[in-house]
């Protein structure tokens, strides 16, 4: 089992920035993928960005150039720097470690 604890969500005005953090604990493997997904009201959960232990990244087209994923393998942490936020970025953001999910952190972007 792996436990995930997210932090960093909140309310921000359009154009602002937020940084999400996620720490994994438990049965951590040396090779894994960590990342962020989001779910807006009435919509399906969607990929935002993922990163493998080797550093390979995938970004959703909607966040490319605005969001940056990073990780600290020594701390089993993954981070999401979100810049130039838009109201359409409003969602619950979930951390994922392989097949495990965090409980989510709410990001609200006001116009």
Foldseek 3Di string as FASTA:
>chain_A
DKAKDKDWADEEAAQAKIKMKMFIDDPDDQWWKKAKWWDAPPGDIGGAKMAINVGDMDGDPVQPPFKDWDADSVRRMIMIIGGRDDQVVFTWMWMDIHHDIYPTDTHGYHD
